[in-house]
Amino acid sequence: MKKPKLIGCVGHDCAACKKQKRDMRNQRTHLKALTDHVLRHLVWLDEEMRKPESPERGKRMAALANVLEIANDSARYHGLGIDFRKDNKDKERERVMRSNA
């Protein structure tokens, strides 16, 4: 098992180091929750796609997408500290799609 990287000062805990440790824990928590949501929803989407096409299936897939978007927003706003009032999701989606092309 790999030894974790030490964060902060050696031998004492100053206020700056405590804040850094708290921020790292917060980011890890939100990132873990996001990856758990993504993996869970991918399984559920696979299960839905195996079912016959129907309006109900479309509604279930839309509900899954909405929950996934909420999980992503939580990670962005709470874990990454993005200000939700200034967040432009359309612009961000375009940037992400350009980088994946």
PDB file of N, CA and C in Angstrom:
ATOM      1  N   MET A   1       0.836  -1.170   0.000  1.00  0.00           N
ATOM      2  CA  MET A   1       0.000   0.000   0.000  1.00  0.00           C
ATOM      3  C   MET A   1       0.884   1.236   0.000  1.00  0.00           C
ATOM      4  N   LYS A   2       0.502   2.222  -0.814  1.00  0.00           N
ATOM      5  CA  LYS A   2       1.290   3.435  -0.945  1.00  0.00           C
ATOM      6  C   LYS A   2       1.083   4.335   0.271  1.00  0.00           C
ATOM      7  N   LYS A   3       2.171   4.875   0.784  1.00  0.00           N
ATOM      8  CA  LYS A   3       2.102   5.760   1.939  1.00  0.00           C
ATOM      9  C   LYS A   3       1.502   7.097   1.505  1.00  0.00           C
ATOM     10  N   PRO A   4       0.506   7.596   2.259  1.00  0.00           N
ATOM     11  CA  PRO A   4      -0.114   8.866   1.862  1.00  0.00           C
ATOM     12  C   PRO A   4       0.856  10.035   1.980  1.00  0.00           C
ATOM     13  N   LYS A   5       0.697  11.005   1.092  1.00  0.00           N
ATOM     14  CA  LYS A   5       1.539  12.195   1.098  1.00  0.00           C
ATOM     15  C   LYS A   5       1.165  13.066   2.293  1.00  0.00           C
ATOM     16  N   LEU A   6       2.175  13.531   3.016  1.00  0.00           N
ATOM     17  CA  LEU A   6       1.940  14.397   4.160  1.00  0.00           C
ATOM     18  C   LEU A   6       1.535  15.781   3.687  1.00  0.00           C
ATOM     19  N   ILE A   7       0.529  16.315   4.340  1.00  0.00           N
ATOM     20  CA  ILE A   7       0.058  17.657   4.021  1.00  0.00           C
ATOM     21  C   ILE A   7       0.270  18.521   5.246  1.00  0.00           C
ATOM     22  N   GLY A   8       0.754  19.721   5.040  1.00  0.00           N
ATOM     23  CA  GLY A   8       0.884  20.651   6.147  1.00  0.00           C
ATOM     24  C   GLY A   8       2.276  20.678   6.737  1.00  0.00           C
ATOM     25  N   CYS A   9       2.374  21.354   7.856  1.00  0.00           N
ATOM     26  CA  CYS A   9       3.643  21.543   8.548  1.00  0.00           C
ATOM     27  C   CYS A   9       4.026  20.276   9.313  1.00  0.00           C
ATOM     28  N   VAL A  10       5.304  20.092   9.494  1.00  0.00           N
ATOM     29  CA  VAL A  10       5.797  18.955  10.252  1.00  0.00           C
ATOM     30  C   VAL A  10       5.986  19.389  11.700  1.00  0.00           C
ATOM     31  N   GLY A  11       5.384  18.648  12.618  1.00  0.00           N
ATOM     32  CA  GLY A  11       5.587  18.923  14.028  1.00  0.00           C
ATOM     33  C   GLY A  11       4.576  19.850  14.658  1.00  0.00           C
ATOM     34  N   HIS A  12       3.747  20.508  13.879  1.00  0.00           N
ATOM     35  CA  HIS A  12       2.721  21.376  14.447  1.00  0.00           C
ATOM     36  C   HIS A  12       1.577  21.541  13.454  1.00  0.00           C
ATOM     37  N   ASP A  13       0.486  22.060  13.929  1.00  0.00           N
ATOM     38  CA  ASP A  13      -0.672  22.317  13.078  1.00  0.00           C
ATOM     39  C   ASP A  13      -1.025  23.791  13.150  1.00  0.00           C
ATOM     40  N   CYS A  14      -0.531  24.566  12.203  1.00  0.00           N
ATOM     41  CA  CYS A  14      -0.888  25.979  12.163  1.00  0.00           C
ATOM     42  C   CYS A  14      -2.268  26.124  11.509  1.00  0.00           C
ATOM     43  N   ALA A  15      -2.844  27.285  11.592  1.00  0.00           N
ATOM     44  CA  ALA A  15      -4.193  27.521  11.056  1.00  0.00           C
ATOM     45  C   ALA A  15      -4.247  27.277   9.551  1.00  0.00           C
ATOM     46  N   ALA A  16      -3.193  27.662   8.837  1.00  0.00           N
ATOM     47  CA  ALA A  16      -3.169  27.470   7.386  1.00  0.00           C
ATOM     48  C   ALA A  16      -3.156  25.981   7.037  1.00  0.00           C
ATOM     49  N   CYS A  17      -2.413  25.194   7.812  1.00  0.00           N
ATOM     50  CA  CYS A  17      -2.343  23.753   7.551  1.00  0.00           C
ATOM     51  C   CYS A  17      -3.671  23.073   7.877  1.00  0.00           C
ATOM     52  N   LYS A  18      -4.306  23.506   8.946  1.00  0.00           N
ATOM     53  CA  LYS A  18      -5.607  22.934   9.293  1.00  0.00           C
ATOM     54  C   LYS A  18      -6.626  23.223   8.207  1.00  0.00           C
ATOM     55  N   LYS A  19      -6.601  24.435   7.651  1.00  0.00           N
ATOM     56  CA  LYS A  19      -7.528  24.794   6.576  1.00  0.00           C
ATOM     57  C   LYS A  19      -7.237  23.953   5.335  1.00  0.00           C
ATOM     58  N   GLN A  20      -5.955  23.762   5.027  1.00  0.00           N
ATOM     59  CA  GLN A  20      -5.578  22.963   3.863  1.00  0.00           C
ATOM     60  C   GLN A  20      -6.055  21.520   4.027  1.00  0.00           C
ATOM     61  N   LYS A  21      -5.866  20.954   5.210  1.00  0.00           N
ATOM     62  CA  LYS A  21      -6.317  19.587   5.467  1.00  0.00           C
ATOM     63  C   LYS A  21      -7.839  19.483   5.361  1.00  0.00           C
ATOM     64  N   ARG A  22      -8.537  20.463   5.914  1.00  0.00           N
ATOM     65  CA  ARG A  22     -10.000  20.480   5.861  1.00  0.00           C
ATOM     66  C   ARG A  22     -10.491  20.593   4.413  1.00  0.00           C
ATOM     67  N   ASP A  23      -9.854  21.443   3.626  1.00  0.00           N
ATOM     68  CA  ASP A  23     -10.228  21.597   2.216  1.00  0.00           C
ATOM     69  C   ASP A  23      -9.983  20.309   1.446  1.00  0.00           C
ATOM     70  N   MET A  24      -8.871  19.655   1.708  1.00  0.00           N
ATOM     71  CA  MET A  24      -8.567  18.389   1.018  1.00  0.00           C
ATOM     72  C   MET A  24      -9.597  17.321   1.383  1.00  0.00           C
ATOM     73  N   ARG A  25      -9.959  17.224   2.659  1.00  0.00           N
ATOM     74  CA  ARG A  25     -10.989  16.264   3.078  1.00  0.00           C
ATOM     75  C   ARG A  25     -12.312  16.560   2.393  1.00  0.00           C
ATOM     76  N   ASN A  26     -12.674  17.832   2.345  1.00  0.00           N
ATOM     77  CA  ASN A  26     -13.920  18.262   1.721  1.00  0.00           C
ATOM     78  C   ASN A  26     -13.938  17.892   0.230  1.00  0.00           C
ATOM     79  N   GLN A  27     -12.837  18.157  -0.464  1.00  0.00           N
ATOM     80  CA  GLN A  27     -12.764  17.820  -1.885  1.00  0.00           C
ATOM     81  C   GLN A  27     -12.841  16.321  -2.106  1.00  0.00           C
ATOM     82  N   ARG A  28     -12.133  15.557  -1.286  1.00  0.00           N
ATOM     83  CA  ARG A  28     -12.187  14.097  -1.415  1.00  0.00           C
ATOM     84  C   ARG A  28     -13.595  13.569  -1.177  1.00  0.00           C
ATOM     85  N   THR A  29     -14.282  14.117  -0.175  1.00  0.00           N
ATOM     86  CA  THR A  29     -15.642  13.676   0.142  1.00  0.00           C
ATOM     87  C   THR A  29     -16.570  13.902  -1.043  1.00  0.00           C
ATOM     88  N   HIS A  30     -16.514  15.102  -1.619  1.00  0.00           N
ATOM     89  CA  HIS A  30     -17.400  15.420  -2.735  1.00  0.00           C
ATOM     90  C   HIS A  30     -17.016  14.661  -4.001  1.00  0.00           C
ATOM     91  N   LEU A  31     -15.740  14.460  -4.228  1.00  0.00           N
ATOM     92  CA  LEU A  31     -15.306  13.705  -5.394  1.00  0.00           C
ATOM     93  C   LEU A  31     -15.719  12.237  -5.269  1.00  0.00           C
ATOM     94  N   LYS A  32     -15.578  11.670  -4.079  1.00  0.00           N
ATOM     95  CA  LYS A  32     -15.998  10.285  -3.847  1.00  0.00           C
ATOM     96  C   LYS A  32     -17.501  10.140  -4.061  1.00  0.00           C
ATOM     97  N   ALA A  33     -18.282  11.076  -3.536  1.00  0.00           N
ATOM     98  CA  ALA A  33     -19.732  11.024  -3.721  1.00  0.00           C
ATOM     99  C   ALA A  33     -20.092  11.128  -5.195  1.00  0.00           C
ATOM    100  N   LEU A  34     -19.396  11.987  -5.933  1.00  0.00           N
ATOM    101  CA  LEU A  34     -19.682  12.139  -7.361  1.00  0.00           C
ATOM    102  C   LEU A  34     -19.362  10.856  -8.121  1.00  0.00           C
ATOM    103  N   THR A  35     -18.209  10.263  -7.869  1.00  0.00           N
ATOM    104  CA  THR A  35     -17.865   9.040  -8.593  1.00  0.00           C
ATOM    105  C   THR A  35     -18.812   7.903  -8.221  1.00  0.00           C
ATOM    106  N   ASP A  36     -19.244   7.840  -6.967  1.00  0.00           N
ATOM    107  CA  ASP A  36     -20.229   6.823  -6.573  1.00  0.00           C
ATOM    108  C   ASP A  36     -21.531   7.014  -7.338  1.00  0.00           C
ATOM    109  N   HIS A  37     -21.995   8.267  -7.442  1.00  0.00           N
ATOM    110  CA  HIS A  37     -23.228   8.550  -8.184  1.00  0.00           C
ATOM    111  C   HIS A  37     -23.083   8.171  -9.655  1.00  0.00           C
ATOM    112  N   VAL A  38     -21.959   8.521 -10.253  1.00  0.00           N
ATOM    113  CA  VAL A  38     -21.749   8.228 -11.675  1.00  0.00           C
ATOM    114  C   VAL A  38     -21.771   6.721 -11.913  1.00  0.00           C
ATOM    115  N   LEU A  39     -21.030   5.978 -11.120  1.00  0.00           N
ATOM    116  CA  LEU A  39     -20.982   4.520 -11.302  1.00  0.00           C
ATOM    117  C   LEU A  39     -22.359   3.887 -11.105  1.00  0.00           C
ATOM    118  N   ARG A  40     -23.064   4.310 -10.068  1.00  0.00           N
ATOM    119  CA  ARG A  40     -24.396   3.779  -9.789  1.00  0.00           C
ATOM    120  C   ARG A  40     -25.350   4.096 -10.944  1.00  0.00           C
ATOM    121  N   HIS A  41     -25.297   5.306 -11.440  1.00  0.00           N
ATOM    122  CA  HIS A  41     -26.210   5.700 -12.506  1.00  0.00           C
ATOM    123  C   HIS A  41     -25.871   5.030 -13.837  1.00  0.00           C
ATOM    124  N   LEU A  42     -24.612   4.750 -14.086  1.00  0.00           N
ATOM    125  CA  LEU A  42     -24.257   4.020 -15.303  1.00  0.00           C
ATOM    126  C   LEU A  42     -24.861   2.621 -15.292  1.00  0.00           C
ATOM    127  N   VAL A  43     -24.850   1.972 -14.147  1.00  0.00           N
ATOM    128  CA  VAL A  43     -25.470   0.651 -14.030  1.00  0.00           C
ATOM    129  C   VAL A  43     -26.973   0.764 -14.262  1.00  0.00           C
ATOM    130  N   TRP A  44     -27.596   1.757 -13.634  1.00  0.00           N
ATOM    131  CA  TRP A  44     -29.045   1.932 -13.788  1.00  0.00           C
ATOM    132  C   TRP A  44     -29.415   2.282 -15.227  1.00  0.00           C
ATOM    133  N   LEU A  45     -28.587   3.091 -15.894  1.00  0.00           N
ATOM    134  CA  LEU A  45     -28.866   3.424 -17.294  1.00  0.00           C
ATOM    135  C   LEU A  45     -28.742   2.192 -18.184  1.00  0.00           C
ATOM    136  N   ASP A  46     -27.756   1.349 -17.928  1.00  0.00           N
ATOM    137  CA  ASP A  46     -27.625   0.098 -18.683  1.00  0.00           C
ATOM    138  C   ASP A  46     -28.868  -0.766 -18.503  1.00  0.00           C
ATOM    139  N   GLU A  47     -29.355  -0.860 -17.276  1.00  0.00           N
ATOM    140  CA  GLU A  47     -30.555  -1.653 -17.012  1.00  0.00           C
ATOM    141  C   GLU A  47     -31.767  -1.079 -17.745  1.00  0.00           C
ATOM    142  N   GLU A  48     -31.899   0.242 -17.754  1.00  0.00           N
ATOM    143  CA  GLU A  48     -33.026   0.880 -18.442  1.00  0.00           C
ATOM    144  C   GLU A  48     -32.950   0.663 -19.947  1.00  0.00           C
ATOM    145  N   MET A  49     -31.747   0.706 -20.497  1.00  0.00           N
ATOM    146  CA  MET A  49     -31.602   0.543 -21.948  1.00  0.00           C
ATOM    147  C   MET A  49     -31.949  -0.869 -22.400  1.00  0.00           C
ATOM    148  N   ARG A  50     -31.874  -1.844 -21.514  1.00  0.00           N
ATOM    149  CA  ARG A  50     -32.246  -3.222 -21.867  1.00  0.00           C
ATOM    150  C   ARG A  50     -33.761  -3.407 -21.946  1.00  0.00           C
ATOM    151  N   LYS A  51     -34.502  -2.490 -21.324  1.00  0.00           N
ATOM    152  CA  LYS A  51     -35.962  -2.589 -21.323  1.00  0.00           C
ATOM    153  C   LYS A  51     -36.516  -2.075 -22.648  1.00  0.00           C
ATOM    154  N   PRO A  52     -37.736  -2.513 -23.002  1.00  0.00           N
ATOM    155  CA  PRO A  52     -38.328  -2.029 -24.253  1.00  0.00           C
ATOM    156  C   PRO A  52     -38.606  -0.522 -24.189  1.00  0.00           C
ATOM    157  N   GLU A  53     -38.528   0.109 -25.346  1.00  0.00           N
ATOM    158  CA  GLU A  53     -38.732   1.557 -25.414  1.00  0.00           C
ATOM    159  C   GLU A  53     -40.178   1.909 -25.101  1.00  0.00           C
ATOM    160  N   SER A  54     -40.347   2.903 -24.235  1.00  0.00           N
ATOM    161  CA  SER A  54     -41.684   3.348 -23.858  1.00  0.00           C
ATOM    162  C   SER A  54     -41.575   4.747 -23.255  1.00  0.00           C
ATOM    163  N   PRO A  55     -42.699   5.462 -23.165  1.00  0.00           N
ATOM    164  CA  PRO A  55     -42.656   6.782 -22.525  1.00  0.00           C
ATOM    165  C   PRO A  55     -42.208   6.703 -21.065  1.00  0.00           C
ATOM    166  N   GLU A  56     -42.574   5.630 -20.367  1.00  0.00           N
ATOM    167  CA  GLU A  56     -42.162   5.467 -18.967  1.00  0.00           C
ATOM    168  C   GLU A  56     -40.653   5.324 -18.856  1.00  0.00           C
ATOM    169  N   ARG A  57     -40.055   4.588 -19.799  1.00  0.00           N
ATOM    170  CA  ARG A  57     -38.603   4.422 -19.783  1.00  0.00           C
ATOM    171  C   ARG A  57     -37.927   5.777 -19.987  1.00  0.00           C
ATOM    172  N   GLY A  58     -38.465   6.574 -20.883  1.00  0.00           N
ATOM    173  CA  GLY A  58     -37.915   7.912 -21.107  1.00  0.00           C
ATOM    174  C   GLY A  58     -37.983   8.773 -19.857  1.00  0.00           C
ATOM    175  N   LYS A  59     -39.087   8.669 -19.123  1.00  0.00           N
ATOM    176  CA  LYS A  59     -39.233   9.433 -17.881  1.00  0.00           C
ATOM    177  C   LYS A  59     -38.229   8.958 -16.831  1.00  0.00           C
ATOM    178  N   ARG A  60     -38.030   7.637 -16.753  1.00  0.00           N
ATOM    179  CA  ARG A  60     -37.065   7.109 -15.773  1.00  0.00           C
ATOM    180  C   ARG A  60     -35.644   7.552 -16.125  1.00  0.00           C
ATOM    181  N   MET A  61     -35.316   7.566 -17.413  1.00  0.00           N
ATOM    182  CA  MET A  61     -33.977   7.997 -17.830  1.00  0.00           C
ATOM    183  C   MET A  61     -33.776   9.489 -17.553  1.00  0.00           C
ATOM    184  N   ALA A  62     -34.820  10.290 -17.756  1.00  0.00           N
ATOM    185  CA  ALA A  62     -34.727  11.720 -17.446  1.00  0.00           C
ATOM    186  C   ALA A  62     -34.535  11.931 -15.950  1.00  0.00           C
ATOM    187  N   ALA A  63     -35.216  11.151 -15.133  1.00  0.00           N
ATOM    188  CA  ALA A  63     -35.061  11.260 -13.680  1.00  0.00           C
ATOM    189  C   ALA A  63     -33.636  10.888 -13.265  1.00  0.00           C
ATOM    190  N   LEU A  64     -33.081   9.847 -13.880  1.00  0.00           N
ATOM    191  CA  LEU A  64     -31.698   9.460 -13.579  1.00  0.00           C
ATOM    192  C   LEU A  64     -30.735  10.584 -13.962  1.00  0.00           C
ATOM    193  N   ALA A  65     -30.964  11.199 -15.102  1.00  0.00           N
ATOM    194  CA  ALA A  65     -30.094  12.294 -15.543  1.00  0.00           C
ATOM    195  C   ALA A  65     -30.195  13.483 -14.583  1.00  0.00           C
ATOM    196  N   ASN A  66     -31.387  13.768 -14.086  1.00  0.00           N
ATOM    197  CA  ASN A  66     -31.559  14.884 -13.155  1.00  0.00           C
ATOM    198  C   ASN A  66     -30.808  14.657 -11.856  1.00  0.00           C
ATOM    199  N   VAL A  67     -30.877  13.435 -11.323  1.00  0.00           N
ATOM    200  CA  VAL A  67     -30.167  13.132 -10.077  1.00  0.00           C
ATOM    201  C   VAL A  67     -28.659  13.227 -10.291  1.00  0.00           C
ATOM    202  N   LEU A  68     -28.209  12.771 -11.450  1.00  0.00           N
ATOM    203  CA  LEU A  68     -26.781  12.846 -11.768  1.00  0.00           C
ATOM    204  C   LEU A  68     -26.326  14.300 -11.879  1.00  0.00           C
ATOM    205  N   GLU A  69     -27.152  15.150 -12.455  1.00  0.00           N
ATOM    206  CA  GLU A  69     -26.808  16.570 -12.560  1.00  0.00           C
ATOM    207  C   GLU A  69     -26.738  17.221 -11.173  1.00  0.00           C
ATOM    208  N   ILE A  70     -27.630  16.837 -10.289  1.00  0.00           N
ATOM    209  CA  ILE A  70     -27.608  17.377  -8.917  1.00  0.00           C
ATOM    210  C   ILE A  70     -26.322  16.954  -8.207  1.00  0.00           C
ATOM    211  N   ALA A  71     -25.901  15.708  -8.397  1.00  0.00           N
ATOM    212  CA  ALA A  71     -24.662  15.232  -7.776  1.00  0.00           C
ATOM    213  C   ALA A  71     -23.461  15.998  -8.334  1.00  0.00           C
ATOM    214  N   ASN A  72     -23.473  16.262  -9.629  1.00  0.00           N
ATOM    215  CA  ASN A  72     -22.389  17.017 -10.241  1.00  0.00           C
ATOM    216  C   ASN A  72     -22.367  18.450  -9.712  1.00  0.00           C
ATOM    217  N   ASP A  73     -23.537  19.061  -9.596  1.00  0.00           N
ATOM    218  CA  ASP A  73     -23.618  20.420  -9.050  1.00  0.00           C
ATOM    219  C   ASP A  73     -23.090  20.474  -7.626  1.00  0.00           C
ATOM    220  N   SER A  74     -23.418  19.473  -6.835  1.00  0.00           N
ATOM    221  CA  SER A  74     -22.941  19.424  -5.457  1.00  0.00           C
ATOM    222  C   SER A  74     -21.421  19.374  -5.413  1.00  0.00           C
ATOM    223  N   ALA A  75     -20.821  18.550  -6.252  1.00  0.00           N
ATOM    224  CA  ALA A  75     -19.357  18.456  -6.285  1.00  0.00           C
ATOM    225  C   ALA A  75     -18.745  19.767  -6.764  1.00  0.00           C
ATOM    226  N   ARG A  76     -19.350  20.397  -7.778  1.00  0.00           N
ATOM    227  CA  ARG A  76     -18.807  21.647  -8.311  1.00  0.00           C
ATOM    228  C   ARG A  76     -18.915  22.784  -7.301  1.00  0.00           C
ATOM    229  N   TYR A  77     -20.073  22.921  -6.680  1.00  0.00           N
ATOM    230  CA  TYR A  77     -20.307  24.071  -5.814  1.00  0.00           C
ATOM    231  C   TYR A  77     -19.700  23.888  -4.430  1.00  0.00           C
ATOM    232  N   HIS A  78     -19.798  22.696  -3.876  1.00  0.00           N
ATOM    233  CA  HIS A  78     -19.302  22.479  -2.516  1.00  0.00           C
ATOM    234  C   HIS A  78     -17.858  21.982  -2.500  1.00  0.00           C
ATOM    235  N   GLY A  79     -17.520  21.063  -3.402  1.00  0.00           N
ATOM    236  CA  GLY A  79     -16.172  20.505  -3.417  1.00  0.00           C
ATOM    237  C   GLY A  79     -15.160  21.408  -4.092  1.00  0.00           C
ATOM    238  N   LEU A  80     -15.533  21.963  -5.255  1.00  0.00           N
ATOM    239  CA  LEU A  80     -14.608  22.814  -6.003  1.00  0.00           C
ATOM    240  C   LEU A  80     -14.739  24.282  -5.661  1.00  0.00           C
ATOM    241  N   GLY A  81     -15.816  24.651  -4.982  1.00  0.00           N
ATOM    242  CA  GLY A  81     -15.993  26.031  -4.559  1.00  0.00           C
ATOM    243  C   GLY A  81     -16.440  26.973  -5.658  1.00  0.00           C
ATOM    244  N   ILE A  82     -17.047  26.457  -6.723  1.00  0.00           N
ATOM    245  CA  ILE A  82     -17.556  27.297  -7.803  1.00  0.00           C
ATOM    246  C   ILE A  82     -18.797  28.026  -7.295  1.00  0.00           C
ATOM    247  N   ASP A  83     -18.865  29.317  -7.569  1.00  0.00           N
ATOM    248  CA  ASP A  83     -20.001  30.126  -7.136  1.00  0.00           C
ATOM    249  C   ASP A  83     -21.192  29.831  -8.042  1.00  0.00           C
ATOM    250  N   PHE A  84     -22.260  29.283  -7.482  1.00  0.00           N
ATOM    251  CA  PHE A  84     -23.411  28.887  -8.292  1.00  0.00           C
ATOM    252  C   PHE A  84     -24.100  30.086  -8.937  1.00  0.00           C
ATOM    253  N   ARG A  85     -23.941  31.267  -8.358  1.00  0.00           N
ATOM    254  CA  ARG A  85     -24.563  32.457  -8.943  1.00  0.00           C
ATOM    255  C   ARG A  85     -23.852  32.910 -10.206  1.00  0.00           C
ATOM    256  N   LYS A  86     -22.572  32.594 -10.313  1.00  0.00           N
ATOM    257  CA  LYS A  86     -21.782  33.001 -11.476  1.00  0.00           C
ATOM    258  C   LYS A  86     -21.539  31.853 -12.441  1.00  0.00           C
ATOM    259  N   ASP A  87     -22.003  30.672 -12.108  1.00  0.00           N
ATOM    260  CA  ASP A  87     -21.758  29.487 -12.926  1.00  0.00           C
ATOM    261  C   ASP A  87     -22.572  29.563 -14.222  1.00  0.00           C
ATOM    262  N   ASN A  88     -21.892  29.368 -15.342  1.00  0.00           N
ATOM    263  CA  ASN A  88     -22.539  29.328 -16.643  1.00  0.00           C
ATOM    264  C   ASN A  88     -22.394  27.907 -17.176  1.00  0.00           C
ATOM    265  N   LYS A  89     -23.390  27.068 -16.910  1.00  0.00           N
ATOM    266  CA  LYS A  89     -23.299  25.654 -17.276  1.00  0.00           C
ATOM    267  C   LYS A  89     -23.232  25.444 -18.782  1.00  0.00           C
ATOM    268  N   ASP A  90     -23.959  26.267 -19.543  1.00  0.00           N
ATOM    269  CA  ASP A  90     -23.930  26.109 -20.999  1.00  0.00           C
ATOM    270  C   ASP A  90     -22.520  26.338 -21.540  1.00  0.00           C
ATOM    271  N   LYS A  91     -21.872  27.374 -21.064  1.00  0.00           N
ATOM    272  CA  LYS A  91     -20.503  27.672 -21.483  1.00  0.00           C
ATOM    273  C   LYS A  91     -19.555  26.548 -21.060  1.00  0.00           C
ATOM    274  N   GLU A  92     -19.755  26.031 -19.863  1.00  0.00           N
ATOM    275  CA  GLU A  92     -18.908  24.947 -19.349  1.00  0.00           C
ATOM    276  C   GLU A  92     -19.110  23.667 -20.166  1.00  0.00           C
ATOM    277  N   ARG A  93     -20.365  23.367 -20.525  1.00  0.00           N
ATOM    278  CA  ARG A  93     -20.642  22.188 -21.354  1.00  0.00           C
ATOM    279  C   ARG A  93     -19.950  22.299 -22.712  1.00  0.00           C
ATOM    280  N   GLU A  94     -20.009  23.487 -23.322  1.00  0.00           N
ATOM    281  CA  GLU A  94     -19.343  23.697 -24.612  1.00  0.00           C
ATOM    282  C   GLU A  94     -17.841  23.469 -24.489  1.00  0.00           C
ATOM    283  N   ARG A  95     -17.244  23.975 -23.402  1.00  0.00           N
ATOM    284  CA  ARG A  95     -15.809  23.791 -23.189  1.00  0.00           C
ATOM    285  C   ARG A  95     -15.449  22.319 -23.056  1.00  0.00           C
ATOM    286  N   VAL A  96     -16.257  21.594 -22.280  1.00  0.00           N
ATOM    287  CA  VAL A  96     -15.991  20.174 -22.063  1.00  0.00           C
ATOM    288  C   VAL A  96     -16.147  19.395 -23.369  1.00  0.00           C
ATOM    289  N   MET A  97     -17.164  19.715 -24.141  1.00  0.00           N
ATOM    290  CA  MET A  97     -17.389  18.997 -25.399  1.00  0.00           C
ATOM    291  C   MET A  97     -16.294  19.290 -26.406  1.00  0.00           C
ATOM    292  N   ARG A  98     -15.784  20.525 -26.435  1.00  0.00           N
ATOM    293  CA  ARG A  98     -14.664  20.852 -27.331  1.00  0.00           C
ATOM    294  C   ARG A  98     -13.417  20.067 -26.949  1.00  0.00           C
ATOM    295  N   SER A  99     -13.169  19.929 -25.650  1.00  0.00           N
ATOM    296  CA  SER A  99     -11.966  19.232 -25.207  1.00  0.00           C
ATOM    297  C   SER A  99     -12.046  17.732 -25.468  1.00  0.00           C
ATOM    298  N   ASN A 100     -13.260  17.195 -25.576  1.00  0.00           N
ATOM    299  CA  ASN A 100     -13.428  15.756 -25.837  1.00  0.00           C
ATOM    300  C   ASN A 100     -13.436  15.435 -27.322  1.00  0.00           C
ATOM    301  N   ALA A 101     -13.495  16.434 -28.164  1.00  0.00           N
ATOM    302  CA  ALA A 101     -13.587  16.200 -29.613  1.00  0.00           C
ATOM    303  C   ALA A 101     -12.290  15.735 -30.202  1.00  0.00           C
TER     304      ALA A 101
END
